[in-house]
């Protein structure tokens, strides 16, 4: 089964309030097996437009990624994020097919 991913691009306008979101999302992320692959590290926008933070979170499956977003625990965390930031989030299924050179 392919993994699931959250890909988020975020501008934080209230860093103190955003810390509440980070604390609140931990319960849902733990419950659904989330693992941060990218968490606001150094980046360079080479095409298009961007936000200041980029985040990629891996889940054991696409269904787990969707379930986490829709969970009561994450719904509570969203309120903190929406008050402190603006962003874009896509949930995508991973790819397990052939790769270049296969």
PDB file of N, CA and C in Angstrom:
ATOM      1  N   UNK A   1       0.840  -1.179   0.000  1.00  0.00           N
ATOM      2  CA  UNK A   1       0.000   0.000   0.000  1.00  0.00           C
ATOM      3  C   UNK A   1       0.886   1.245   0.000  1.00  0.00           C
ATOM      4  N   UNK A   2       0.530   2.197  -0.838  1.00  0.00           N
ATOM      5  CA  UNK A   2       1.307   3.431  -0.936  1.00  0.00           C
ATOM      6  C   UNK A   2       1.118   4.295   0.307  1.00  0.00           C
ATOM      7  N   UNK A   3       2.158   5.002   0.673  1.00  0.00           N
ATOM      8  CA  UNK A   3       2.084   5.926   1.803  1.00  0.00           C
ATOM      9  C   UNK A   3       1.283   7.155   1.405  1.00  0.00           C
ATOM     10  N   UNK A   4       0.889   7.928   2.408  1.00  0.00           N
ATOM     11  CA  UNK A   4       0.206   9.186   2.179  1.00  0.00           C
ATOM     12  C   UNK A   4       1.060  10.327   2.682  1.00  0.00           C
ATOM     13  N   UNK A   5       0.876  11.498   2.087  1.00  0.00           N
ATOM     14  CA  UNK A   5       1.688  12.655   2.443  1.00  0.00           C
ATOM     15  C   UNK A   5       0.834  13.903   2.555  1.00  0.00           C
ATOM     16  N   UNK A   6       1.167  14.722   3.530  1.00  0.00           N
ATOM     17  CA  UNK A   6       0.663  16.090   3.588  1.00  0.00           C
ATOM     18  C   UNK A   6       1.789  16.961   3.056  1.00  0.00           C
ATOM     19  N   UNK A   7       1.463  17.834   2.133  1.00  0.00           N
ATOM     20  CA  UNK A   7       2.419  18.814   1.639  1.00  0.00           C
ATOM     21  C   UNK A   7       1.823  20.182   1.932  1.00  0.00           C
ATOM     22  N   UNK A   8       2.492  20.941   2.782  1.00  0.00           N
ATOM     23  CA  UNK A   8       1.969  22.236   3.222  1.00  0.00           C
ATOM     24  C   UNK A   8       2.966  23.347   2.916  1.00  0.00           C
ATOM     25  N   UNK A   9       2.416  24.484   2.547  1.00  0.00           N
ATOM     26  CA  UNK A   9       3.189  25.709   2.331  1.00  0.00           C
ATOM     27  C   UNK A   9       2.508  26.768   3.192  1.00  0.00           C
ATOM     28  N   UNK A  10       3.262  27.354   4.121  1.00  0.00           N
ATOM     29  CA  UNK A  10       2.654  28.176   5.169  1.00  0.00           C
ATOM     30  C   UNK A  10       3.428  29.471   5.377  1.00  0.00           C
ATOM     31  N   UNK A  11       2.684  30.544   5.600  1.00  0.00           N
ATOM     32  CA  UNK A  11       3.236  31.804   6.097  1.00  0.00           C
ATOM     33  C   UNK A  11       2.696  31.999   7.505  1.00  0.00           C
ATOM     34  N   UNK A  12       3.577  32.073   8.479  1.00  0.00           N
ATOM     35  CA  UNK A  12       3.192  32.276   9.872  1.00  0.00           C
ATOM     36  C   UNK A  12       3.267  33.762  10.182  1.00  0.00           C
ATOM     37  N   UNK A  13       2.158  34.339  10.645  1.00  0.00           N
ATOM     38  CA  UNK A  13       2.164  35.759  10.997  1.00  0.00           C
ATOM     39  C   UNK A  13       2.085  36.004  12.502  1.00  0.00           C
ATOM     40  N   UNK A  14       1.932  34.935  13.293  1.00  0.00           N
ATOM     41  CA  UNK A  14       1.941  35.039  14.755  1.00  0.00           C
ATOM     42  C   UNK A  14       2.663  33.810  15.305  1.00  0.00           C
ATOM     43  N   UNK A  15       3.975  33.932  15.474  1.00  0.00           N
ATOM     44  CA  UNK A  15       4.799  32.785  15.874  1.00  0.00           C
ATOM     45  C   UNK A  15       4.413  32.226  17.238  1.00  0.00           C
ATOM     46  N   UNK A  16       4.058  33.075  18.173  1.00  0.00           N
ATOM     47  CA  UNK A  16       3.671  32.596  19.508  1.00  0.00           C
ATOM     48  C   UNK A  16       2.385  31.780  19.439  1.00  0.00           C
ATOM     49  N   UNK A  17       1.405  32.264  18.719  1.00  0.00           N
ATOM     50  CA  UNK A  17       0.144  31.529  18.577  1.00  0.00           C
ATOM     51  C   UNK A  17       0.356  30.232  17.798  1.00  0.00           C
ATOM     52  N   UNK A  18       1.274  30.232  16.827  1.00  0.00           N
ATOM     53  CA  UNK A  18       1.549  29.038  16.029  1.00  0.00           C
ATOM     54  C   UNK A  18       2.129  27.917  16.889  1.00  0.00           C
ATOM     55  N   UNK A  19       2.831  28.277  17.944  1.00  0.00           N
ATOM     56  CA  UNK A  19       3.358  27.264  18.871  1.00  0.00           C
ATOM     57  C   UNK A  19       2.222  26.457  19.492  1.00  0.00           C
ATOM     58  N   UNK A  20       1.072  27.072  19.706  1.00  0.00           N
ATOM     59  CA  UNK A  20      -0.095  26.350  20.239  1.00  0.00           C
ATOM     60  C   UNK A  20      -0.578  25.312  19.233  1.00  0.00           C
ATOM     61  N   UNK A  21      -0.542  25.643  17.962  1.00  0.00           N
ATOM     62  CA  UNK A  21      -0.911  24.684  16.918  1.00  0.00           C
ATOM     63  C   UNK A  21       0.047  23.494  16.921  1.00  0.00           C
ATOM     64  N   UNK A  22       1.338  23.774  17.012  1.00  0.00           N
ATOM     65  CA  UNK A  22       2.333  22.701  17.018  1.00  0.00           C
ATOM     66  C   UNK A  22       2.107  21.755  18.198  1.00  0.00           C
ATOM     67  N   UNK A  23       1.831  22.315  19.352  1.00  0.00           N
ATOM     68  CA  UNK A  23       1.565  21.483  20.531  1.00  0.00           C
ATOM     69  C   UNK A  23       0.280  20.679  20.357  1.00  0.00           C
ATOM     70  N   UNK A  24      -0.739  21.301  19.773  1.00  0.00           N
ATOM     71  CA  UNK A  24      -2.039  20.642  19.645  1.00  0.00           C
ATOM     72  C   UNK A  24      -2.049  19.561  18.570  1.00  0.00           C
ATOM     73  N   UNK A  25      -1.241  19.690  17.527  1.00  0.00           N
ATOM     74  CA  UNK A  25      -1.296  18.695  16.456  1.00  0.00           C
ATOM     75  C   UNK A  25      -0.574  17.398  16.805  1.00  0.00           C
ATOM     76  N   UNK A  26       0.244  17.422  17.828  1.00  0.00           N
ATOM     77  CA  UNK A  26       1.051  16.252  18.186  1.00  0.00           C
ATOM     78  C   UNK A  26       0.204  15.023  18.494  1.00  0.00           C
ATOM     79  N   UNK A  27      -0.938  15.194  19.144  1.00  0.00           N
ATOM     80  CA  UNK A  27      -1.802  14.058  19.489  1.00  0.00           C
ATOM     81  C   UNK A  27      -2.282  13.339  18.230  1.00  0.00           C
ATOM     82  N   UNK A  28      -2.794  14.083  17.272  1.00  0.00           N
ATOM     83  CA  UNK A  28      -3.293  13.474  16.035  1.00  0.00           C
ATOM     84  C   UNK A  28      -2.152  12.854  15.235  1.00  0.00           C
ATOM     85  N   UNK A  29      -1.034  13.555  15.146  1.00  0.00           N
ATOM     86  CA  UNK A  29       0.085  13.027  14.375  1.00  0.00           C
ATOM     87  C   UNK A  29       0.595  11.708  14.963  1.00  0.00           C
ATOM     88  N   UNK A  30       0.668  11.626  16.263  1.00  0.00           N
ATOM     89  CA  UNK A  30       1.108  10.378  16.899  1.00  0.00           C
ATOM     90  C   UNK A  30       0.108   9.253  16.635  1.00  0.00           C
ATOM     91  N   UNK A  31      -1.183   9.561  16.787  1.00  0.00           N
ATOM     92  CA  UNK A  31      -2.233   8.554  16.602  1.00  0.00           C
ATOM     93  C   UNK A  31      -2.224   7.963  15.193  1.00  0.00           C
ATOM     94  N   UNK A  32      -1.922   8.775  14.184  1.00  0.00           N
ATOM     95  CA  UNK A  32      -1.990   8.315  12.800  1.00  0.00           C
ATOM     96  C   UNK A  32      -0.632   8.011  12.178  1.00  0.00           C
ATOM     97  N   UNK A  33       0.406   7.941  12.988  1.00  0.00           N
ATOM     98  CA  UNK A  33       1.718   7.506  12.515  1.00  0.00           C
ATOM     99  C   UNK A  33       2.446   8.510  11.638  1.00  0.00           C
ATOM    100  N   UNK A  34       2.224   9.799  11.877  1.00  0.00           N
ATOM    101  CA  UNK A  34       2.861  10.840  11.072  1.00  0.00           C
ATOM    102  C   UNK A  34       4.356  10.910  11.347  1.00  0.00           C
ATOM    103  N   UNK A  35       5.091  11.252  10.297  1.00  0.00           N
ATOM    104  CA  UNK A  35       6.546  11.401  10.394  1.00  0.00           C
ATOM    105  C   UNK A  35       6.957  12.591   9.531  1.00  0.00           C
ATOM    106  N   UNK A  36       7.597  13.580  10.130  1.00  0.00           N
ATOM    107  CA  UNK A  36       8.046  14.749   9.383  1.00  0.00           C
ATOM    108  C   UNK A  36       9.222  14.383   8.489  1.00  0.00           C
ATOM    109  N   UNK A  37       9.111  14.695   7.211  1.00  0.00           N
ATOM    110  CA  UNK A  37      10.212  14.539   6.263  1.00  0.00           C
ATOM    111  C   UNK A  37      10.859  15.893   5.974  1.00  0.00           C
ATOM    112  N   UNK A  38      10.042  16.927   5.945  1.00  0.00           N
ATOM    113  CA  UNK A  38      10.504  18.307   5.750  1.00  0.00           C
ATOM    114  C   UNK A  38       9.751  19.150   6.759  1.00  0.00           C
ATOM    115  N   UNK A  39      10.484  19.989   7.480  1.00  0.00           N
ATOM    116  CA  UNK A  39       9.838  20.829   8.483  1.00  0.00           C
ATOM    117  C   UNK A  39      10.502  22.203   8.500  1.00  0.00           C
ATOM    118  N   UNK A  40      10.152  23.002   7.487  1.00  0.00           N
ATOM    119  CA  UNK A  40      10.557  24.407   7.416  1.00  0.00           C
ATOM    120  C   UNK A  40      12.062  24.604   7.316  1.00  0.00           C
ATOM    121  N   UNK A  41      12.751  23.695   6.690  1.00  0.00           N
ATOM    122  CA  UNK A  41      14.187  23.864   6.490  1.00  0.00           C
ATOM    123  C   UNK A  41      14.487  24.865   5.393  1.00  0.00           C
ATOM    124  N   UNK A  42      15.735  24.992   5.087  1.00  0.00           N
ATOM    125  CA  UNK A  42      16.188  25.906   4.041  1.00  0.00           C
ATOM    126  C   UNK A  42      15.551  25.507   2.714  1.00  0.00           C
ATOM    127  N   UNK A  43      15.120  26.503   1.930  1.00  0.00           N
ATOM    128  CA  UNK A  43      14.542  26.221   0.621  1.00  0.00           C
ATOM    129  C   UNK A  43      14.833  27.361  -0.335  1.00  0.00           C
ATOM    130  N   UNK A  44      14.707  27.056  -1.615  1.00  0.00           N
ATOM    131  CA  UNK A  44      14.875  28.053  -2.669  1.00  0.00           C
ATOM    132  C   UNK A  44      13.763  27.837  -3.687  1.00  0.00           C
ATOM    133  N   UNK A  45      12.994  28.857  -3.953  1.00  0.00           N
ATOM    134  CA  UNK A  45      11.932  28.766  -4.942  1.00  0.00           C
ATOM    135  C   UNK A  45      12.554  28.984  -6.314  1.00  0.00           C
ATOM    136  N   UNK A  46      12.544  27.940  -7.135  1.00  0.00           N
ATOM    137  CA  UNK A  46      13.163  28.029  -8.449  1.00  0.00           C
ATOM    138  C   UNK A  46      12.134  28.247  -9.557  1.00  0.00           C
ATOM    139  N   UNK A  47      10.858  28.017  -9.266  1.00  0.00           N
ATOM    140  CA  UNK A  47       9.775  28.295 -10.198  1.00  0.00           C
ATOM    141  C   UNK A  47       8.523  28.624  -9.408  1.00  0.00           C
ATOM    142  N   UNK A  48       7.695  29.491  -9.934  1.00  0.00           N
ATOM    143  CA  UNK A  48       6.429  29.816  -9.299  1.00  0.00           C
ATOM    144  C   UNK A  48       6.605  30.670  -8.060  1.00  0.00           C
ATOM    145  N   UNK A  49       5.588  30.629  -7.210  1.00  0.00           N
ATOM    146  CA  UNK A  49       5.622  31.410  -5.969  1.00  0.00           C
ATOM    147  C   UNK A  49       5.696  30.465  -4.780  1.00  0.00           C
ATOM    148  N   UNK A  50       6.014  31.008  -3.616  1.00  0.00           N
ATOM    149  CA  UNK A  50       6.190  30.157  -2.440  1.00  0.00           C
ATOM    150  C   UNK A  50       5.756  30.890  -1.190  1.00  0.00           C
ATOM    151  N   UNK A  51       5.638  30.133  -0.134  1.00  0.00           N
ATOM    152  CA  UNK A  51       5.408  30.677   1.198  1.00  0.00           C
ATOM    153  C   UNK A  51       6.689  30.465   2.003  1.00  0.00           C
ATOM    154  N   UNK A  52       6.738  31.013   3.200  1.00  0.00           N
ATOM    155  CA  UNK A  52       7.981  30.996   3.970  1.00  0.00           C
ATOM    156  C   UNK A  52       8.320  29.640   4.585  1.00  0.00           C
ATOM    157  N   UNK A  53       7.323  28.785   4.852  1.00  0.00           N
ATOM    158  CA  UNK A  53       7.570  27.463   5.443  1.00  0.00           C
ATOM    159  C   UNK A  53       7.041  26.383   4.508  1.00  0.00           C
ATOM    160  N   UNK A  54       7.812  25.326   4.355  1.00  0.00           N
ATOM    161  CA  UNK A  54       7.383  24.148   3.600  1.00  0.00           C
ATOM    162  C   UNK A  54       7.463  22.953   4.529  1.00  0.00           C
ATOM    163  N   UNK A  55       6.422  22.132   4.507  1.00  0.00           N
ATOM    164  CA  UNK A  55       6.358  20.980   5.396  1.00  0.00           C
ATOM    165  C   UNK A  55       5.867  19.774   4.598  1.00  0.00           C
ATOM    166  N   UNK A  56       6.538  18.631   4.762  1.00  0.00           N
ATOM    167  CA  UNK A  56       6.082  17.370   4.181  1.00  0.00           C
ATOM    168  C   UNK A  56       6.002  16.370   5.324  1.00  0.00           C
ATOM    169  N   UNK A  57       4.810  15.785   5.490  1.00  0.00           N
ATOM    170  CA  UNK A  57       4.583  14.811   6.550  1.00  0.00           C
ATOM    171  C   UNK A  57       4.165  13.497   5.904  1.00  0.00           C
ATOM    172  N   UNK A  58       4.836  12.420   6.281  1.00  0.00           N
ATOM    173  CA  UNK A  58       4.554  11.089   5.746  1.00  0.00           C
ATOM    174  C   UNK A  58       3.646  10.323   6.697  1.00  0.00           C
ATOM    175  N   UNK A  59       2.686   9.599   6.135  1.00  0.00           N
ATOM    176  CA  UNK A  59       1.789   8.728   6.894  1.00  0.00           C
ATOM    177  C   UNK A  59       1.905   7.315   6.347  1.00  0.00           C
ATOM    178  N   UNK A  60       1.546   6.308   7.134  1.00  0.00           N
ATOM    179  CA  UNK A  60       1.669   4.925   6.679  1.00  0.00           C
ATOM    180  C   UNK A  60       0.847   4.628   5.421  1.00  0.00           C
ATOM    181  N   UNK A  61      -0.230   5.409   5.187  1.00  0.00           N
ATOM    182  CA  UNK A  61      -1.076   5.200   4.018  1.00  0.00           C
ATOM    183  C   UNK A  61      -1.811   6.498   3.693  1.00  0.00           C
ATOM    184  N   UNK A  62      -2.353   6.551   2.497  1.00  0.00           N
ATOM    185  CA  UNK A  62      -3.164   7.693   2.080  1.00  0.00           C
ATOM    186  C   UNK A  62      -4.392   7.809   2.980  1.00  0.00           C
ATOM    187  N   UNK A  63      -5.012   6.661   3.293  1.00  0.00           N
ATOM    188  CA  UNK A  63      -6.186   6.673   4.173  1.00  0.00           C
ATOM    189  C   UNK A  63      -5.846   7.232   5.547  1.00  0.00           C
ATOM    190  N   UNK A  64      -4.679   6.898   6.078  1.00  0.00           N
ATOM    191  CA  UNK A  64      -4.272   7.420   7.387  1.00  0.00           C
ATOM    192  C   UNK A  64      -4.054   8.933   7.316  1.00  0.00           C
ATOM    193  N   UNK A  65      -3.503   9.414   6.200  1.00  0.00           N
ATOM    194  CA  UNK A  65      -3.293  10.855   6.035  1.00  0.00           C
ATOM    195  C   UNK A  65      -4.628  11.598   6.027  1.00  0.00           C
ATOM    196  N   UNK A  66      -5.605  11.061   5.312  1.00  0.00           N
ATOM    197  CA  UNK A  66      -6.933  11.677   5.286  1.00  0.00           C
ATOM    198  C   UNK A  66      -7.612  11.591   6.651  1.00  0.00           C
ATOM    199  N   UNK A  67      -7.520  10.432   7.285  1.00  0.00           N
ATOM    200  CA  UNK A  67      -8.166  10.233   8.592  1.00  0.00           C
ATOM    201  C   UNK A  67      -7.586  11.181   9.636  1.00  0.00           C
ATOM    202  N   UNK A  68      -6.286  11.402   9.601  1.00  0.00           N
ATOM    203  CA  UNK A  68      -5.669  12.323  10.543  1.00  0.00           C
ATOM    204  C   UNK A  68      -6.240  13.719  10.366  1.00  0.00           C
ATOM    205  N   UNK A  69      -6.303  14.186   9.124  1.00  0.00           N
ATOM    206  CA  UNK A  69      -6.824  15.532   8.864  1.00  0.00           C
ATOM    207  C   UNK A  69      -8.267  15.667   9.352  1.00  0.00           C
ATOM    208  N   UNK A  70      -9.041  14.629   9.195  1.00  0.00           N
ATOM    209  CA  UNK A  70     -10.462  14.660   9.547  1.00  0.00           C
ATOM    210  C   UNK A  70     -10.738  14.296  11.000  1.00  0.00           C
ATOM    211  N   UNK A  71      -9.712  13.933  11.756  1.00  0.00           N
ATOM    212  CA  UNK A  71      -9.889  13.465  13.132  1.00  0.00           C
ATOM    213  C   UNK A  71     -10.300  14.609  14.067  1.00  0.00           C
ATOM    214  N   UNK A  72     -11.039  14.274  15.129  1.00  0.00           N
ATOM    215  CA  UNK A  72     -11.393  15.297  16.122  1.00  0.00           C
ATOM    216  C   UNK A  72     -10.167  15.970  16.745  1.00  0.00           C
ATOM    217  N   UNK A  73      -9.121  15.206  16.982  1.00  0.00           N
ATOM    218  CA  UNK A  73      -7.910  15.778  17.590  1.00  0.00           C
ATOM    219  C   UNK A  73      -7.289  16.827  16.671  1.00  0.00           C
ATOM    220  N   UNK A  74      -7.213  16.548  15.374  1.00  0.00           N
ATOM    221  CA  UNK A  74      -6.617  17.532  14.466  1.00  0.00           C
ATOM    222  C   UNK A  74      -7.564  18.701  14.231  1.00  0.00           C
ATOM    223  N   UNK A  75      -8.855  18.466  14.239  1.00  0.00           N
ATOM    224  CA  UNK A  75      -9.821  19.553  14.055  1.00  0.00           C
ATOM    225  C   UNK A  75      -9.635  20.616  15.143  1.00  0.00           C
ATOM    226  N   UNK A  76      -9.317  20.177  16.353  1.00  0.00           N
ATOM    227  CA  UNK A  76      -9.059  21.143  17.439  1.00  0.00           C
ATOM    228  C   UNK A  76      -7.797  21.948  17.155  1.00  0.00           C
ATOM    229  N   UNK A  77      -6.781  21.303  16.613  1.00  0.00           N
ATOM    230  CA  UNK A  77      -5.513  21.980  16.326  1.00  0.00           C
ATOM    231  C   UNK A  77      -5.665  23.014  15.213  1.00  0.00           C
ATOM    232  N   UNK A  78      -6.529  22.737  14.256  1.00  0.00           N
ATOM    233  CA  UNK A  78      -6.695  23.635  13.108  1.00  0.00           C
ATOM    234  C   UNK A  78      -7.036  25.057  13.542  1.00  0.00           C
ATOM    235  N   UNK A  79      -7.854  25.206  14.561  1.00  0.00           N
ATOM    236  CA  UNK A  79      -8.253  26.542  15.012  1.00  0.00           C
ATOM    237  C   UNK A  79      -7.031  27.381  15.382  1.00  0.00           C
ATOM    238  N   UNK A  80      -6.040  26.778  16.018  1.00  0.00           N
ATOM    239  CA  UNK A  80      -4.819  27.497  16.375  1.00  0.00           C
ATOM    240  C   UNK A  80      -4.040  27.899  15.116  1.00  0.00           C
ATOM    241  N   UNK A  81      -3.964  26.995  14.153  1.00  0.00           N
ATOM    242  CA  UNK A  81      -3.218  27.272  12.928  1.00  0.00           C
ATOM    243  C   UNK A  81      -3.869  28.390  12.123  1.00  0.00           C
ATOM    244  N   UNK A  82      -5.172  28.351  11.998  1.00  0.00           N
ATOM    245  CA  UNK A  82      -5.875  29.338  11.182  1.00  0.00           C
ATOM    246  C   UNK A  82      -5.754  30.747  11.748  1.00  0.00           C
ATOM    247  N   UNK A  83      -5.667  30.871  13.055  1.00  0.00           N
ATOM    248  CA  UNK A  83      -5.514  32.185  13.673  1.00  0.00           C
ATOM    249  C   UNK A  83      -4.086  32.726  13.559  1.00  0.00           C
ATOM    250  N   UNK A  84      -3.118  31.851  13.339  1.00  0.00           N
ATOM    251  CA  UNK A  84      -1.716  32.255  13.384  1.00  0.00           C
ATOM    252  C   UNK A  84      -1.010  32.242  12.034  1.00  0.00           C
ATOM    253  N   UNK A  85      -1.668  31.700  11.000  1.00  0.00           N
ATOM    254  CA  UNK A  85      -0.976  31.530   9.730  1.00  0.00           C
ATOM    255  C   UNK A  85      -1.950  31.480   8.563  1.00  0.00           C
ATOM    256  N   UNK A  86      -1.370  31.497   7.377  1.00  0.00           N
ATOM    257  CA  UNK A  86      -2.119  31.302   6.148  1.00  0.00           C
ATOM    258  C   UNK A  86      -1.338  30.289   5.341  1.00  0.00           C
ATOM    259  N   UNK A  87      -2.039  29.338   4.727  1.00  0.00           N
ATOM    260  CA  UNK A  87      -1.279  28.342   3.994  1.00  0.00           C
ATOM    261  C   UNK A  87      -2.104  27.538   3.027  1.00  0.00           C
ATOM    262  N   UNK A  88      -1.425  26.619   2.385  1.00  0.00           N
ATOM    263  CA  UNK A  88      -2.006  25.689   1.431  1.00  0.00           C
ATOM    264  C   UNK A  88      -1.602  24.284   1.870  1.00  0.00           C
ATOM    265  N   UNK A  89      -2.542  23.345   1.802  1.00  0.00           N
ATOM    266  CA  UNK A  89      -2.272  21.966   2.204  1.00  0.00           C
ATOM    267  C   UNK A  89      -2.891  21.026   1.192  1.00  0.00           C
ATOM    268  N   UNK A  90      -2.104  20.090   0.716  1.00  0.00           N
ATOM    269  CA  UNK A  90      -2.610  19.045  -0.166  1.00  0.00           C
ATOM    270  C   UNK A  90      -2.259  17.703   0.472  1.00  0.00           C
ATOM    271  N   UNK A  91      -3.180  16.752   0.371  1.00  0.00           N
ATOM    272  CA  UNK A  91      -2.933  15.394   0.847  1.00  0.00           C
ATOM    273  C   UNK A  91      -2.845  14.528  -0.402  1.00  0.00           C
ATOM    274  N   UNK A  92      -1.740  13.812  -0.529  1.00  0.00           N
ATOM    275  CA  UNK A  92      -1.469  13.081  -1.763  1.00  0.00           C
ATOM    276  C   UNK A  92      -1.038  11.650  -1.467  1.00  0.00           C
ATOM    277  N   UNK A  93      -1.410  10.750  -2.354  1.00  0.00           N
ATOM    278  CA  UNK A  93      -0.996   9.357  -2.253  1.00  0.00           C
ATOM    279  C   UNK A  93       0.395   9.200  -2.835  1.00  0.00           C
ATOM    280  N   UNK A  94       1.224   8.432  -2.157  1.00  0.00           N
ATOM    281  CA  UNK A  94       2.575   8.166  -2.642  1.00  0.00           C
ATOM    282  C   UNK A  94       2.564   7.298  -3.881  1.00  0.00           C
ATOM    283  N   UNK A  95       3.708   7.150  -4.494  1.00  0.00           N
ATOM    284  CA  UNK A  95       3.873   6.399  -5.749  1.00  0.00           C
ATOM    285  C   UNK A  95       4.804   5.225  -5.501  1.00  0.00           C
ATOM    286  N   UNK A  96       4.364   4.028  -5.892  1.00  0.00           N
ATOM    287  CA  UNK A  96       5.166   2.827  -5.718  1.00  0.00           C
ATOM    288  C   UNK A  96       5.562   2.175  -7.038  1.00  0.00           C
ATOM    289  N   UNK A  97       5.391   2.880  -8.160  1.00  0.00           N
ATOM    290  CA  UNK A  97       5.643   2.291  -9.474  1.00  0.00           C
ATOM    291  C   UNK A  97       7.092   2.382  -9.909  1.00  0.00           C
ATOM    292  N   UNK A  98       7.320   2.088 -11.186  1.00  0.00           N
ATOM    293  CA  UNK A  98       8.675   2.109 -11.740  1.00  0.00           C
ATOM    294  C   UNK A  98       9.314   3.487 -11.623  1.00  0.00           C
ATOM    295  N   UNK A  99      10.617   3.487 -11.501  1.00  0.00           N
ATOM    296  CA  UNK A  99      11.389   4.712 -11.376  1.00  0.00           C
ATOM    297  C   UNK A  99      12.311   4.836 -12.601  1.00  0.00           C
ATOM    298  N   UNK A 100      12.805   6.055 -12.867  1.00  0.00           N
ATOM    299  CA  UNK A 100      13.736   6.216 -13.972  1.00  0.00           C
ATOM    300  C   UNK A 100      14.916   5.248 -13.849  1.00  0.00           C
ATOM    301  N   UNK A 101      15.255   4.608 -14.922  1.00  0.00           N
ATOM    302  CA  UNK A 101      16.374   3.657 -14.917  1.00  0.00           C
ATOM    303  C   UNK A 101      15.978   2.239 -14.550  1.00  0.00           C
ATOM    304  N   UNK A 102      14.709   2.038 -14.146  1.00  0.00           N
ATOM    305  CA  UNK A 102      14.262   0.665 -13.818  1.00  0.00           C
ATOM    306  C   UNK A 102      14.064  -0.148 -15.079  1.00  0.00           C
TER     307      UNK A 102
END
